Amino acid sequence: MAKGRLPSALIAIADCDRLGAALPGKVALAYGAGVECVLLRGPSLTVSKYKSVATEVVESCPGLSLIIHSYREVAAGLSCYGVHMPSHRLGELARVSEGLLRGGSCHDGEELERAAKAGADYVFLSPVFPPTSKPHGGPTLGWSGFSSLAKGCGLKVYALGGMGIEKVADAAANGAAGVAVLGDIFDADDVSRRAARWVKAMNELNWE
């Protein structure tokens, strides 16, 4: 284990492909509204471009807990909080630098086991419901499926997929350590206002 504690029950996912040049500004708005932790995704970016975006976010939001998605080599050179790996790269968590939080994306019990063996501090478990940020025609876990996997895996599990403010109480009641959200914050017309509503709703609950 790395940091020993999670930065926040709310992790906002900022996707470079979706937000483009507006990403640093939107992250700054969310941070100013109380969002403490952001996961930076950039699946189509080169390492150098991703590092440039990450650097801009770190410099514009001092104190933000920034989690790097996939690019372990970038996290080592920046003041980042952790590294998050996709499901097919969970084994690489074992090679993340000491002192960094380790997280991964999981969709079933087998992936949860692999994440635990690799030393994950937390995981995203998805999709609980159809995501609002991308088309999804496959099965979803629902709260029953989420709860049965989350409560028996020994990891801190964040609910991901179709999350809205109206679902946070159910997430807490079903064993979630928190909620990960992408579209509902950064796609909002007023990112600052939406982020503030999320922070308020999350702070009113007790999390695993």
Foldseek 3Di string as FASTA:
>chain_A
DAQLDDFALEEEEQECVVQPPCRLVLLLLLVVLPQQHYEYHYVVDDPVVSLVVVVSNCVSRPNHAYEYEPCLVSPVVDPHAAYEYELVPLLCLLVRDHNHAYEYEDADQVSLQSNVVSPHQEYEYDDLEAAPVDDDDDDTQHLVNVLVRQVPSPHQYAHEHPDDLVCFVSCQVSQHQHYYYYCQQSVDPNNNVSSNSSVVSRVVDDHD
